[in-house]
Amino acid sequence: MANQSIGRGRTLNVREIEEKIRRGIPDARVEVVGEDAHFSALVVSPAFEGKSRIEQHQMVYALLREEMASQAVHALQLRTMTTAEWDREHGV
């Protein structure tokens, strides 16, 4: 995975973003792709149950607040789902 530049010479890659989300939402399935500070993430978690899509996205954005403020993550396209939604979508 390519490293992405963060202001002041630090680097960030998709694995680091995935790990940060998993630390904040430990039971989540997380997949992140992207480059040049533009990322797309899929986050599936039972922690989203009963929350609106906006609330789900706010949970994820809160975990990446510093990275977004520093422009390490300039754009983040999110797809969030509960585990039940994921299971229904994938016929589980």
Protein backbone atom coordinates (compact mmCIF):
# COMPACT_ATOMS: atom_id res chain seq x y z
CA MET A 1 0.00 0.00 0.00
CA ALA A 2 1.30 3.37 -0.92
CA ASN A 3 1.99 5.85 1.82
CA GLN A 4 0.11 9.11 1.63
CA SER A 5 1.73 12.35 2.60
CA ILE A 6 0.49 14.17 5.70
CA GLY A 7 1.56 17.72 6.40
CA ARG A 8 4.94 18.11 8.13
CA GLY A 9 6.45 15.01 6.50
CA ARG A 10 4.41 12.30 8.22
CA THR A 11 2.85 9.57 6.12
CA LEU A 12 -0.46 7.76 6.23
CA ASN A 13 -1.67 4.67 4.41
CA VAL A 14 -5.00 2.89 4.08
CA ARG A 15 -4.01 0.28 6.66
CA GLU A 16 -3.50 3.02 9.27
CA ILE A 17 -6.95 4.43 8.55
CA GLU A 18 -8.48 0.95 8.84
CA GLU A 19 -6.70 0.37 12.16
CA LYS A 20 -7.82 3.71 13.57
CA ILE A 21 -11.45 2.94 12.71
CA ARG A 22 -11.15 -0.58 14.18
CA ARG A 23 -9.73 0.83 17.42
CA GLY A 24 -12.69 3.19 17.71
CA ILE A 25 -15.29 0.62 16.63
CA PRO A 26 -13.66 -2.66 17.70
CA ASP A 27 -16.26 -5.03 16.25
CA ALA A 28 -16.28 -3.35 12.82
CA ARG A 29 -15.48 -4.83 9.46
CA VAL A 30 -13.44 -2.11 7.74
CA GLU A 31 -12.19 -1.84 4.18
CA VAL A 32 -10.44 1.31 2.94
CA VAL A 33 -9.07 2.10 -0.50
CA GLY A 34 -7.61 5.27 -1.94
CA GLU A 35 -4.62 7.45 -2.57
CA ASP A 36 -3.50 11.08 -2.53
CA ALA A 37 -5.55 11.82 0.62
CA HIS A 38 -8.77 10.70 -1.12
CA PHE A 39 -10.22 7.56 0.41
CA SER A 40 -13.30 5.38 0.29
CA ALA A 41 -14.28 3.28 3.29
CA LEU A 42 -16.78 0.53 4.01
CA VAL A 43 -17.55 0.15 7.71
CA VAL A 44 -19.94 -2.58 8.92
CA SER A 45 -20.76 -2.81 12.61
CA PRO A 46 -23.53 -3.79 15.00
CA ALA A 47 -22.65 -0.53 16.82
CA PHE A 48 -24.57 1.28 14.06
CA GLU A 49 -27.84 -0.47 14.97
CA GLY A 50 -30.58 2.07 15.70
CA LYS A 51 -28.52 4.98 14.37
CA SER A 52 -29.31 7.03 11.29
CA ARG A 53 -26.87 6.99 8.39
CA ILE A 54 -25.77 10.50 9.40
CA GLU A 55 -25.07 9.35 12.97
CA GLN A 56 -23.12 6.36 11.63
CA HIS A 57 -20.98 8.62 9.45
CA GLN A 58 -20.44 11.03 12.34
CA MET A 59 -19.09 8.14 14.43
CA VAL A 60 -16.47 7.39 11.77
CA TYR A 61 -15.61 11.03 11.04
CA ALA A 62 -15.04 11.62 14.76
CA LEU A 63 -12.36 8.91 14.73
CA LEU A 64 -10.52 10.63 11.87
CA ARG A 65 -10.96 14.24 13.02
CA GLU A 66 -7.21 14.96 13.30
CA GLU A 67 -6.40 13.37 9.95
CA MET A 68 -9.12 15.37 8.24
CA ALA A 69 -8.07 18.62 9.93
CA SER A 70 -4.46 18.10 8.79
CA GLN A 71 -5.62 17.20 5.26
CA ALA A 72 -4.05 13.73 5.58
CA VAL A 73 -7.57 12.67 4.66
CA HIS A 74 -8.87 15.33 2.31
CA ALA A 75 -11.89 13.39 1.09
CA LEU A 76 -13.56 10.34 2.59
CA GLN A 77 -16.44 8.57 0.87
CA LEU A 78 -18.20 6.45 3.47
CA ARG A 79 -20.51 3.50 3.20
CA THR A 80 -21.74 2.35 6.59
CA MET A 81 -24.02 -0.57 7.39
CA THR A 82 -25.20 -2.54 10.35
CA THR A 83 -24.20 -6.19 10.43
CA ALA A 84 -27.83 -7.14 9.78
CA GLU A 85 -27.92 -4.90 6.67
CA TRP A 86 -24.68 -6.46 5.42
CA ASP A 87 -26.05 -9.97 5.98
CA ARG A 88 -29.29 -9.16 4.11
CA GLU A 89 -27.39 -7.59 1.21
CA HIS A 90 -25.09 -10.62 0.92
CA GLY A 91 -27.72 -13.31 1.48
CA VAL A 92 -26.30 -14.50 4.78
